[in-house]
Amino acid sequence: MENNNQYDNYTGAPVYNAAPSQNYGDGYNNDPQLAPILSIGEWMVTLIVLAIPIVGIVMYFVWAFGDATNPNKRNFCKASLIFALIGIVLTFIFAMTCGFAAAGLMYGLS
């Protein structure tokens, strides 16, 4: 009988009925265990680049939606963009609320 078992890369334990991993042409296999780990230096460079005013915003979108980006960096950039969008929406709501409250006070004082 043929042995078609695959083995876990870290523990060496057999993984039964493992589906073959798929690569969608993005340069990285979509299996998180097969994505290369970013070193501390790579993360430091990433954060420094993202801190540059205009370049950082552009790089967020390039890394979030680029095909040749490490999946870990891609997910970090997507999550950061989602948090930024939530912050912008909450700031807008807060500003509108405070504006209406100030307008109501001004109207009531006159």
PDB file of N, CA and C in Angstrom:
ATOM      1  N   MET A   1       0.845  -1.183   0.000  1.00  0.00           N
ATOM      2  CA  MET A   1       0.000   0.000   0.000  1.00  0.00           C
ATOM      3  C   MET A   1       0.886   1.240   0.000  1.00  0.00           C
ATOM      4  N   GLU A   2       0.531   2.204  -0.810  1.00  0.00           N
ATOM      5  CA  GLU A   2       1.332   3.411  -0.981  1.00  0.00           C
ATOM      6  C   GLU A   2       1.079   4.386   0.173  1.00  0.00           C
ATOM      7  N   ASN A   3       2.138   5.023   0.665  1.00  0.00           N
ATOM      8  CA  ASN A   3       2.030   5.986   1.759  1.00  0.00           C
ATOM      9  C   ASN A   3       1.986   7.391   1.172  1.00  0.00           C
ATOM     10  N   ASN A   4       0.805   8.040   1.224  1.00  0.00           N
ATOM     11  CA  ASN A   4       0.624   9.372   0.677  1.00  0.00           C
ATOM     12  C   ASN A   4       0.564  10.441   1.762  1.00  0.00           C
ATOM     13  N   ASN A   5       1.023  10.107   2.947  1.00  0.00           N
ATOM     14  CA  ASN A   5       0.948  11.064   4.046  1.00  0.00           C
ATOM     15  C   ASN A   5       1.962  12.183   3.855  1.00  0.00           C
ATOM     16  N   GLN A   6       1.574  13.377   4.292  1.00  0.00           N
ATOM     17  CA  GLN A   6       2.494  14.501   4.330  1.00  0.00           C
ATOM     18  C   GLN A   6       2.867  14.726   5.780  1.00  0.00           C
ATOM     19  N   TYR A   7       3.999  15.380   5.995  1.00  0.00           N
ATOM     20  CA  TYR A   7       4.488  15.589   7.354  1.00  0.00           C
ATOM     21  C   TYR A   7       4.589  17.069   7.655  1.00  0.00           C
ATOM     22  N   ASP A   8       4.245  17.431   8.890  1.00  0.00           N
ATOM     23  CA  ASP A   8       4.330  18.809   9.354  1.00  0.00           C
ATOM     24  C   ASP A   8       5.790  19.242   9.345  1.00  0.00           C
ATOM     25  N   ASN A   9       6.059  20.450   8.832  1.00  0.00           N
ATOM     26  CA  ASN A   9       7.429  20.933   8.704  1.00  0.00           C
ATOM     27  C   ASN A   9       8.098  21.182  10.055  1.00  0.00           C
ATOM     28  N   TYR A  10       7.315  21.467  11.079  1.00  0.00           N
ATOM     29  CA  TYR A  10       7.892  21.832  12.372  1.00  0.00           C
ATOM     30  C   TYR A  10       7.983  20.654  13.327  1.00  0.00           C
ATOM     31  N   THR A  11       6.933  19.846  13.410  1.00  0.00           N
ATOM     32  CA  THR A  11       6.921  18.752  14.380  1.00  0.00           C
ATOM     33  C   THR A  11       7.311  17.426  13.765  1.00  0.00           C
ATOM     34  N   GLY A  12       7.176  17.300  12.471  1.00  0.00           N
ATOM     35  CA  GLY A  12       7.470  16.040  11.811  1.00  0.00           C
ATOM     36  C   GLY A  12       6.332  15.041  11.909  1.00  0.00           C
ATOM     37  N   ALA A  13       5.227  15.433  12.546  1.00  0.00           N
ATOM     38  CA  ALA A  13       4.079  14.547  12.696  1.00  0.00           C
ATOM     39  C   ALA A  13       3.366  14.404  11.353  1.00  0.00           C
ATOM     40  N   PRO A  14       2.829  13.222  11.095  1.00  0.00           N
ATOM     41  CA  PRO A  14       2.110  13.053   9.825  1.00  0.00           C
ATOM     42  C   PRO A  14       0.828  13.866   9.802  1.00  0.00           C
ATOM     43  N   VAL A  15       0.526  14.421   8.641  1.00  0.00           N
ATOM     44  CA  VAL A  15      -0.711  15.160   8.420  1.00  0.00           C
ATOM     45  C   VAL A  15      -1.527  14.316   7.456  1.00  0.00           C
ATOM     46  N   TYR A  16      -2.619  13.737   7.955  1.00  0.00           N
ATOM     47  CA  TYR A  16      -3.432  12.831   7.155  1.00  0.00           C
ATOM     48  C   TYR A  16      -4.417  13.609   6.300  1.00  0.00           C
ATOM     49  N   ASN A  17      -4.662  13.096   5.110  1.00  0.00           N
ATOM     50  CA  ASN A  17      -5.609  13.691   4.163  1.00  0.00           C
ATOM     51  C   ASN A  17      -5.282  15.152   3.881  1.00  0.00           C
ATOM     52  N   ALA A  18      -4.031  15.468   3.843  1.00  0.00           N
ATOM     53  CA  ALA A  18      -3.629  16.853   3.581  1.00  0.00           C
ATOM     54  C   ALA A  18      -3.841  17.159   2.108  1.00  0.00           C
ATOM     55  N   ALA A  19      -4.559  18.236   1.845  1.00  0.00           N
ATOM     56  CA  ALA A  19      -4.764  18.676   0.474  1.00  0.00           C
ATOM     57  C   ALA A  19      -3.478  19.298  -0.041  1.00  0.00           C
ATOM     58  N   PRO A  20      -3.178  19.144  -1.295  1.00  0.00           N
ATOM     59  CA  PRO A  20      -1.967  19.780  -1.809  1.00  0.00           C
ATOM     60  C   PRO A  20      -2.071  21.298  -1.716  1.00  0.00           C
ATOM     61  N   SER A  21      -0.980  21.931  -1.359  1.00  0.00           N
ATOM     62  CA  SER A  21      -1.004  23.387  -1.233  1.00  0.00           C
ATOM     63  C   SER A  21      -1.084  24.012  -2.625  1.00  0.00           C
ATOM     64  N   GLN A  22      -1.705  25.189  -2.673  1.00  0.00           N
ATOM     65  CA  GLN A  22      -1.898  25.863  -3.948  1.00  0.00           C
ATOM     66  C   GLN A  22      -1.102  27.148  -3.956  1.00  0.00           C
ATOM     67  N   ASN A  23      -0.501  27.427  -5.076  1.00  0.00           N
ATOM     68  CA  ASN A  23       0.202  28.683  -5.255  1.00  0.00           C
ATOM     69  C   ASN A  23      -0.562  29.459  -6.313  1.00  0.00           C
ATOM     70  N   TYR A  24      -1.008  30.646  -5.960  1.00  0.00           N
ATOM     71  CA  TYR A  24      -1.835  31.430  -6.870  1.00  0.00           C
ATOM     72  C   TYR A  24      -1.027  32.442  -7.673  1.00  0.00           C
ATOM     73  N   GLY A  25       0.257  32.223  -7.826  1.00  0.00           N
ATOM     74  CA  GLY A  25       1.063  33.083  -8.659  1.00  0.00           C
ATOM     75  C   GLY A  25       1.504  34.368  -7.981  1.00  0.00           C
ATOM     76  N   ASP A  26       1.349  34.462  -6.654  1.00  0.00           N
ATOM     77  CA  ASP A  26       1.734  35.693  -5.974  1.00  0.00           C
ATOM     78  C   ASP A  26       3.166  35.632  -5.450  1.00  0.00           C
ATOM     79  N   GLY A  27       3.893  34.610  -5.795  1.00  0.00           N
ATOM     80  CA  GLY A  27       5.276  34.510  -5.352  1.00  0.00           C
ATOM     81  C   GLY A  27       5.410  33.782  -4.030  1.00  0.00           C
ATOM     82  N   TYR A  28       4.327  33.608  -3.320  1.00  0.00           N
ATOM     83  CA  TYR A  28       4.348  32.911  -2.042  1.00  0.00           C
ATOM     84  C   TYR A  28       3.235  31.882  -2.029  1.00  0.00           C
ATOM     85  N   ASN A  29       3.501  30.774  -1.393  1.00  0.00           N
ATOM     86  CA  ASN A  29       2.482  29.769  -1.214  1.00  0.00           C
ATOM     87  C   ASN A  29       1.506  30.277  -0.164  1.00  0.00           C
ATOM     88  N   ASN A  30       0.223  30.047  -0.311  1.00  0.00           N
ATOM     89  CA  ASN A  30      -0.777  30.581   0.611  1.00  0.00           C
ATOM     90  C   ASN A  30      -0.815  29.839   1.938  1.00  0.00           C
ATOM     91  N   ASP A  31      -0.037  28.799   2.095  1.00  0.00           N
ATOM     92  CA  ASP A  31       0.056  28.107   3.372  1.00  0.00           C
ATOM     93  C   ASP A  31       0.916  28.948   4.305  1.00  0.00           C
ATOM     94  N   PRO A  32       0.354  29.447   5.444  1.00  0.00           N
ATOM     95  CA  PRO A  32       1.117  30.338   6.310  1.00  0.00           C
ATOM     96  C   PRO A  32       2.395  29.702   6.852  1.00  0.00           C
ATOM     97  N   GLN A  33       2.430  28.382   6.947  1.00  0.00           N
ATOM     98  CA  GLN A  33       3.644  27.741   7.450  1.00  0.00           C
ATOM     99  C   GLN A  33       4.774  27.777   6.421  1.00  0.00           C
ATOM    100  N   LEU A  34       4.448  27.999   5.162  1.00  0.00           N
ATOM    101  CA  LEU A  34       5.464  28.014   4.127  1.00  0.00           C
ATOM    102  C   LEU A  34       5.924  29.414   3.762  1.00  0.00           C
ATOM    103  N   ALA A  35       5.242  30.449   4.271  1.00  0.00           N
ATOM    104  CA  ALA A  35       5.648  31.823   3.998  1.00  0.00           C
ATOM    105  C   ALA A  35       6.927  32.115   4.766  1.00  0.00           C
ATOM    106  N   PRO A  36       7.880  32.788   4.137  1.00  0.00           N
ATOM    107  CA  PRO A  36       9.120  33.099   4.846  1.00  0.00           C
ATOM    108  C   PRO A  36       8.859  34.047   6.005  1.00  0.00           C
ATOM    109  N   ILE A  37       9.563  33.819   7.097  1.00  0.00           N
ATOM    110  CA  ILE A  37       9.412  34.651   8.284  1.00  0.00           C
ATOM    111  C   ILE A  37      10.221  35.924   8.087  1.00  0.00           C
ATOM    112  N   LEU A  38       9.601  37.068   8.359  1.00  0.00           N
ATOM    113  CA  LEU A  38      10.303  38.347   8.259  1.00  0.00           C
ATOM    114  C   LEU A  38      11.162  38.533   9.503  1.00  0.00           C
ATOM    115  N   SER A  39      12.388  38.930   9.291  1.00  0.00           N
ATOM    116  CA  SER A  39      13.292  39.147  10.417  1.00  0.00           C
ATOM    117  C   SER A  39      12.971  40.473  11.105  1.00  0.00           C
ATOM    118  N   ILE A  40      13.584  40.685  12.258  1.00  0.00           N
ATOM    119  CA  ILE A  40      13.396  41.934  12.986  1.00  0.00           C
ATOM    120  C   ILE A  40      13.887  43.105  12.145  1.00  0.00           C
ATOM    121  N   GLY A  41      14.993  42.931  11.461  1.00  0.00           N
ATOM    122  CA  GLY A  41      15.522  43.988  10.597  1.00  0.00           C
ATOM    123  C   GLY A  41      14.562  44.350   9.476  1.00  0.00           C
ATOM    124  N   GLU A  42      13.948  43.324   8.867  1.00  0.00           N
ATOM    125  CA  GLU A  42      12.979  43.591   7.797  1.00  0.00           C
ATOM    126  C   GLU A  42      11.762  44.330   8.333  1.00  0.00           C
ATOM    127  N   TRP A  43      11.309  43.971   9.542  1.00  0.00           N
ATOM    128  CA  TRP A  43      10.182  44.682  10.138  1.00  0.00           C
ATOM    129  C   TRP A  43      10.564  46.114  10.476  1.00  0.00           C
ATOM    130  N   MET A  44      11.800  46.330  10.948  1.00  0.00           N
ATOM    131  CA  MET A  44      12.250  47.688  11.264  1.00  0.00           C
ATOM    132  C   MET A  44      12.276  48.553  10.005  1.00  0.00           C
ATOM    133  N   VAL A  45      12.797  48.016   8.913  1.00  0.00           N
ATOM    134  CA  VAL A  45      12.823  48.759   7.651  1.00  0.00           C
ATOM    135  C   VAL A  45      11.394  49.039   7.187  1.00  0.00           C
ATOM    136  N   THR A  46      10.509  48.052   7.320  1.00  0.00           N
ATOM    137  CA  THR A  46       9.115  48.239   6.933  1.00  0.00           C
ATOM    138  C   THR A  46       8.486  49.383   7.711  1.00  0.00           C
ATOM    139  N   LEU A  47       8.667  49.399   9.025  1.00  0.00           N
ATOM    140  CA  LEU A  47       8.061  50.437   9.851  1.00  0.00           C
ATOM    141  C   LEU A  47       8.676  51.809   9.588  1.00  0.00           C
ATOM    142  N   ILE A  48       9.964  51.852   9.303  1.00  0.00           N
ATOM    143  CA  ILE A  48      10.610  53.133   8.971  1.00  0.00           C
ATOM    144  C   ILE A  48      10.055  53.674   7.648  1.00  0.00           C
ATOM    145  N   VAL A  49       9.930  52.800   6.648  1.00  0.00           N
ATOM    146  CA  VAL A  49       9.389  53.236   5.351  1.00  0.00           C
ATOM    147  C   VAL A  49       7.947  53.717   5.516  1.00  0.00           C
ATOM    148  N   LEU A  50       7.155  53.016   6.327  1.00  0.00           N
ATOM    149  CA  LEU A  50       5.763  53.407   6.522  1.00  0.00           C
ATOM    150  C   LEU A  50       5.629  54.702   7.307  1.00  0.00           C
ATOM    151  N   ALA A  51       6.675  55.111   8.027  1.00  0.00           N
ATOM    152  CA  ALA A  51       6.633  56.353   8.805  1.00  0.00           C
ATOM    153  C   ALA A  51       6.945  57.582   7.951  1.00  0.00           C
ATOM    154  N   ILE A  52       7.461  57.400   6.752  1.00  0.00           N
ATOM    155  CA  ILE A  52       7.758  58.528   5.865  1.00  0.00           C
ATOM    156  C   ILE A  52       6.425  59.057   5.333  1.00  0.00           C
ATOM    157  N   PRO A  53       6.150  60.360   5.469  1.00  0.00           N
ATOM    158  CA  PRO A  53       4.806  60.894   5.212  1.00  0.00           C
ATOM    159  C   PRO A  53       4.102  60.432   3.940  1.00  0.00           C
ATOM    160  N   ILE A  54       4.548  60.764   2.764  1.00  0.00           N
ATOM    161  CA  ILE A  54       3.798  60.416   1.553  1.00  0.00           C
ATOM    162  C   ILE A  54       4.181  59.028   1.056  1.00  0.00           C
ATOM    163  N   VAL A  55       5.443  58.707   1.154  1.00  0.00           N
ATOM    164  CA  VAL A  55       5.924  57.394   0.715  1.00  0.00           C
ATOM    165  C   VAL A  55       5.242  56.282   1.505  1.00  0.00           C
ATOM    166  N   GLY A  56       5.044  56.508   2.804  1.00  0.00           N
ATOM    167  CA  GLY A  56       4.415  55.500   3.653  1.00  0.00           C
ATOM    168  C   GLY A  56       3.003  55.164   3.222  1.00  0.00           C
ATOM    169  N   ILE A  57       2.228  56.181   2.881  1.00  0.00           N
ATOM    170  CA  ILE A  57       0.851  55.941   2.451  1.00  0.00           C
ATOM    171  C   ILE A  57       0.831  55.137   1.148  1.00  0.00           C
ATOM    172  N   VAL A  58       1.709  55.506   0.233  1.00  0.00           N
ATOM    173  CA  VAL A  58       1.785  54.771  -1.039  1.00  0.00           C
ATOM    174  C   VAL A  58       2.201  53.326  -0.785  1.00  0.00           C
ATOM    175  N   MET A  59       3.196  53.143   0.097  1.00  0.00           N
ATOM    176  CA  MET A  59       3.689  51.791   0.354  1.00  0.00           C
ATOM    177  C   MET A  59       2.656  50.927   1.067  1.00  0.00           C
ATOM    178  N   TYR A  60       1.804  51.525   1.905  1.00  0.00           N
ATOM    179  CA  TYR A  60       0.721  50.754   2.519  1.00  0.00           C
ATOM    180  C   TYR A  60      -0.117  50.087   1.433  1.00  0.00           C
ATOM    181  N   PHE A  61      -0.484  50.844   0.408  1.00  0.00           N
ATOM    182  CA  PHE A  61      -1.320  50.296  -0.660  1.00  0.00           C
ATOM    183  C   PHE A  61      -0.544  49.319  -1.544  1.00  0.00           C
ATOM    184  N   VAL A  62       0.723  49.618  -1.819  1.00  0.00           N
ATOM    185  CA  VAL A  62       1.537  48.713  -2.644  1.00  0.00           C
ATOM    186  C   VAL A  62       1.696  47.371  -1.944  1.00  0.00           C
ATOM    187  N   TRP A  63       2.040  47.409  -0.652  1.00  0.00           N
ATOM    188  CA  TRP A  63       2.247  46.155   0.081  1.00  0.00           C
ATOM    189  C   TRP A  63       0.938  45.457   0.414  1.00  0.00           C
ATOM    190  N   ALA A  64      -0.146  46.199   0.612  1.00  0.00           N
ATOM    191  CA  ALA A  64      -1.419  45.572   0.958  1.00  0.00           C
ATOM    192  C   ALA A  64      -2.032  44.846  -0.233  1.00  0.00           C
ATOM    193  N   PHE A  65      -1.836  45.375  -1.428  1.00  0.00           N
ATOM    194  CA  PHE A  65      -2.500  44.802  -2.598  1.00  0.00           C
ATOM    195  C   PHE A  65      -1.525  44.282  -3.650  1.00  0.00           C
ATOM    196  N   GLY A  66      -0.228  44.281  -3.361  1.00  0.00           N
ATOM    197  CA  GLY A  66       0.760  43.777  -4.305  1.00  0.00           C
ATOM    198  C   GLY A  66       0.831  42.262  -4.275  1.00  0.00           C
ATOM    199  N   ASP A  67       1.115  41.683  -5.424  1.00  0.00           N
ATOM    200  CA  ASP A  67       1.179  40.224  -5.524  1.00  0.00           C
ATOM    201  C   ASP A  67       2.486  39.646  -4.987  1.00  0.00           C
ATOM    202  N   ALA A  68       3.571  40.392  -5.074  1.00  0.00           N
ATOM    203  CA  ALA A  68       4.873  39.853  -4.704  1.00  0.00           C
ATOM    204  C   ALA A  68       5.268  40.227  -3.274  1.00  0.00           C
ATOM    205  N   THR A  69       4.285  40.478  -2.413  1.00  0.00           N
ATOM    206  CA  THR A  69       4.551  40.874  -1.035  1.00  0.00           C
ATOM    207  C   THR A  69       4.385  39.677  -0.117  1.00  0.00           C
ATOM    208  N   ASN A  70       5.246  39.594   0.890  1.00  0.00           N
ATOM    209  CA  ASN A  70       5.136  38.546   1.897  1.00  0.00           C
ATOM    210  C   ASN A  70       3.729  38.594   2.504  1.00  0.00           C
ATOM    211  N   PRO A  71       3.060  37.448   2.666  1.00  0.00           N
ATOM    212  CA  PRO A  71       1.688  37.448   3.195  1.00  0.00           C
ATOM    213  C   PRO A  71       1.566  38.094   4.576  1.00  0.00           C
ATOM    214  N   ASN A  72       2.599  37.991   5.403  1.00  0.00           N
ATOM    215  CA  ASN A  72       2.550  38.609   6.725  1.00  0.00           C
ATOM    216  C   ASN A  72       2.528  40.129   6.605  1.00  0.00           C
ATOM    217  N   LYS A  73       3.380  40.660   5.748  1.00  0.00           N
ATOM    218  CA  LYS A  73       3.422  42.114   5.532  1.00  0.00           C
ATOM    219  C   LYS A  73       2.134  42.582   4.865  1.00  0.00           C
ATOM    220  N   ARG A  74       1.617  41.791   3.928  1.00  0.00           N
ATOM    221  CA  ARG A  74       0.384  42.137   3.231  1.00  0.00           C
ATOM    222  C   ARG A  74      -0.781  42.238   4.221  1.00  0.00           C
ATOM    223  N   ASN A  75      -0.909  41.268   5.112  1.00  0.00           N
ATOM    224  CA  ASN A  75      -1.993  41.296   6.094  1.00  0.00           C
ATOM    225  C   ASN A  75      -1.820  42.442   7.082  1.00  0.00           C
ATOM    226  N   PHE A  76      -0.577  42.737   7.476  1.00  0.00           N
ATOM    227  CA  PHE A  76      -0.328  43.864   8.376  1.00  0.00           C
ATOM    228  C   PHE A  76      -0.776  45.174   7.731  1.00  0.00           C
ATOM    229  N   CYS A  77      -0.428  45.372   6.471  1.00  0.00           N
ATOM    230  CA  CYS A  77      -0.803  46.612   5.776  1.00  0.00           C
ATOM    231  C   CYS A  77      -2.313  46.710   5.577  1.00  0.00           C
ATOM    232  N   LYS A  78      -2.963  45.599   5.253  1.00  0.00           N
ATOM    233  CA  LYS A  78      -4.421  45.619   5.113  1.00  0.00           C
ATOM    234  C   LYS A  78      -5.088  45.967   6.437  1.00  0.00           C
ATOM    235  N   ALA A  79      -4.622  45.357   7.534  1.00  0.00           N
ATOM    236  CA  ALA A  79      -5.195  45.644   8.850  1.00  0.00           C
ATOM    237  C   ALA A  79      -4.963  47.101   9.237  1.00  0.00           C
ATOM    238  N   SER A  80      -3.787  47.627   8.931  1.00  0.00           N
ATOM    239  CA  SER A  80      -3.487  49.030   9.247  1.00  0.00           C
ATOM    240  C   SER A  80      -4.384  49.972   8.453  1.00  0.00           C
ATOM    241  N   LEU A  81      -4.632  49.667   7.189  1.00  0.00           N
ATOM    242  CA  LEU A  81      -5.527  50.492   6.380  1.00  0.00           C
ATOM    243  C   LEU A  81      -6.961  50.433   6.903  1.00  0.00           C
ATOM    244  N   ILE A  82      -7.390  49.274   7.364  1.00  0.00           N
ATOM    245  CA  ILE A  82      -8.736  49.153   7.927  1.00  0.00           C
ATOM    246  C   ILE A  82      -8.846  49.986   9.202  1.00  0.00           C
ATOM    247  N   PHE A  83      -7.820  49.917  10.074  1.00  0.00           N
ATOM    248  CA  PHE A  83      -7.832  50.730  11.291  1.00  0.00           C
ATOM    249  C   PHE A  83      -7.816  52.220  10.957  1.00  0.00           C
ATOM    250  N   ALA A  84      -7.068  52.609   9.945  1.00  0.00           N
ATOM    251  CA  ALA A  84      -7.042  54.026   9.548  1.00  0.00           C
ATOM    252  C   ALA A  84      -8.416  54.470   9.054  1.00  0.00           C
ATOM    253  N   LEU A  85      -9.075  53.632   8.277  1.00  0.00           N
ATOM    254  CA  LEU A  85     -10.414  53.957   7.791  1.00  0.00           C
ATOM    255  C   LEU A  85     -11.402  54.086   8.949  1.00  0.00           C
ATOM    256  N   ILE A  86     -11.328  53.188   9.913  1.00  0.00           N
ATOM    257  CA  ILE A  86     -12.194  53.264  11.092  1.00  0.00           C
ATOM    258  C   ILE A  86     -11.920  54.562  11.851  1.00  0.00           C
ATOM    259  N   GLY A  87     -10.644  54.928  11.998  1.00  0.00           N
ATOM    260  CA  GLY A  87     -10.289  56.171  12.680  1.00  0.00           C
ATOM    261  C   GLY A  87     -10.826  57.398  11.970  1.00  0.00           C
ATOM    262  N   ILE A  88     -10.748  57.398  10.641  1.00  0.00           N
ATOM    263  CA  ILE A  88     -11.257  58.537   9.872  1.00  0.00           C
ATOM    264  C   ILE A  88     -12.771  58.657  10.031  1.00  0.00           C
ATOM    265  N   VAL A  89     -13.485  57.538   9.968  1.00  0.00           N
ATOM    266  CA  VAL A  89     -14.942  57.562  10.118  1.00  0.00           C
ATOM    267  C   VAL A  89     -15.329  58.036  11.518  1.00  0.00           C
ATOM    268  N   LEU A  90     -14.659  57.515  12.560  1.00  0.00           N
ATOM    269  CA  LEU A  90     -14.971  57.937  13.925  1.00  0.00           C
ATOM    270  C   LEU A  90     -14.650  59.412  14.155  1.00  0.00           C
ATOM    271  N   THR A  91     -13.549  59.889  13.570  1.00  0.00           N
ATOM    272  CA  THR A  91     -13.201  61.305  13.684  1.00  0.00           C
ATOM    273  C   THR A  91     -14.261  62.174  13.022  1.00  0.00           C
ATOM    274  N   PHE A  92     -14.732  61.766  11.860  1.00  0.00           N
ATOM    275  CA  PHE A  92     -15.778  62.509  11.156  1.00  0.00           C
ATOM    276  C   PHE A  92     -17.063  62.563  11.993  1.00  0.00           C
ATOM    277  N   ILE A  93     -17.450  61.418  12.549  1.00  0.00           N
ATOM    278  CA  ILE A  93     -18.661  61.374  13.377  1.00  0.00           C
ATOM    279  C   ILE A  93     -18.497  62.271  14.608  1.00  0.00           C
ATOM    280  N   PHE A  94     -17.337  62.208  15.259  1.00  0.00           N
ATOM    281  CA  PHE A  94     -17.083  63.027  16.437  1.00  0.00           C
ATOM    282  C   PHE A  94     -17.102  64.512  16.085  1.00  0.00           C
ATOM    283  N   ALA A  95     -16.480  64.878  14.967  1.00  0.00           N
ATOM    284  CA  ALA A  95     -16.453  66.287  14.555  1.00  0.00           C
ATOM    285  C   ALA A  95     -17.854  66.787  14.233  1.00  0.00           C
ATOM    286  N   MET A  96     -18.645  65.977  13.573  1.00  0.00           N
ATOM    287  CA  MET A  96     -20.017  66.382  13.255  1.00  0.00           C
ATOM    288  C   MET A  96     -20.846  66.543  14.534  1.00  0.00           C
ATOM    289  N   THR A  97     -20.677  65.619  15.461  1.00  0.00           N
ATOM    290  CA  THR A  97     -21.421  65.691  16.718  1.00  0.00           C
ATOM    291  C   THR A  97     -21.047  66.951  17.496  1.00  0.00           C
ATOM    292  N   CYS A  98     -19.750  67.217  17.597  1.00  0.00           N
ATOM    293  CA  CYS A  98     -19.300  68.419  18.310  1.00  0.00           C
ATOM    294  C   CYS A  98     -19.734  69.685  17.573  1.00  0.00           C
ATOM    295  N   GLY A  99     -19.719  69.664  16.273  1.00  0.00           N
ATOM    296  CA  GLY A  99     -20.154  70.818  15.490  1.00  0.00           C
ATOM    297  C   GLY A  99     -21.619  71.129  15.705  1.00  0.00           C
ATOM    298  N   PHE A 100     -22.449  70.069  15.701  1.00  0.00           N
ATOM    299  CA  PHE A 100     -23.876  70.285  15.936  1.00  0.00           C
ATOM    300  C   PHE A 100     -24.138  70.751  17.365  1.00  0.00           C
ATOM    301  N   ALA A 101     -23.378  70.214  18.322  1.00  0.00           N
ATOM    302  CA  ALA A 101     -23.545  70.632  19.703  1.00  0.00           C
ATOM    303  C   ALA A 101     -23.140  72.110  19.864  1.00  0.00           C
ATOM    304  N   ALA A 102     -22.045  72.514  19.235  1.00  0.00           N
ATOM    305  CA  ALA A 102     -21.601  73.918  19.304  1.00  0.00           C
ATOM    306  C   ALA A 102     -22.607  74.820  18.629  1.00  0.00           C
ATOM    307  N   ALA A 103     -23.148  74.405  17.503  1.00  0.00           N
ATOM    308  CA  ALA A 103     -24.147  75.204  16.801  1.00  0.00           C
ATOM    309  C   ALA A 103     -25.421  75.333  17.638  1.00  0.00           C
ATOM    310  N   GLY A 104     -25.781  74.278  18.313  1.00  0.00           N
ATOM    311  CA  GLY A 104     -26.958  74.331  19.179  1.00  0.00           C
ATOM    312  C   GLY A 104     -26.752  75.272  20.349  1.00  0.00           C
ATOM    313  N   LEU A 105     -25.558  75.280  20.927  1.00  0.00           N
ATOM    314  CA  LEU A 105     -25.261  76.211  22.017  1.00  0.00           C
ATOM    315  C   LEU A 105     -25.276  77.654  21.536  1.00  0.00           C
ATOM    316  N   MET A 106     -24.699  77.878  20.378  1.00  0.00           N
ATOM    317  CA  MET A 106     -24.669  79.241  19.832  1.00  0.00           C
ATOM    318  C   MET A 106     -26.087  79.735  19.529  1.00  0.00           C
ATOM    319  N   TYR A 107     -26.897  78.850  18.998  1.00  0.00           N
ATOM    320  CA  TYR A 107     -28.266  79.232  18.664  1.00  0.00           C
ATOM    321  C   TYR A 107     -29.061  79.525  19.950  1.00  0.00           C
ATOM    322  N   GLY A 108     -28.809  78.723  20.983  1.00  0.00           N
ATOM    323  CA  GLY A 108     -29.528  78.901  22.233  1.00  0.00           C
ATOM    324  C   GLY A 108     -29.103  80.142  22.993  1.00  0.00           C
ATOM    325  N   LEU A 109     -27.877  80.643  22.782  1.00  0.00           N
ATOM    326  CA  LEU A 109     -27.382  81.817  23.485  1.00  0.00           C
ATOM    327  C   LEU A 109     -27.848  83.124  22.857  1.00  0.00           C
ATOM    328  N   SER A 110     -28.230  83.085  21.612  1.00  0.00           N
ATOM    329  CA  SER A 110     -28.586  84.335  20.937  1.00  0.00           C
ATOM    330  C   SER A 110     -30.026  84.720  21.111  1.00  0.00           C
TER     331      SER A 110
END
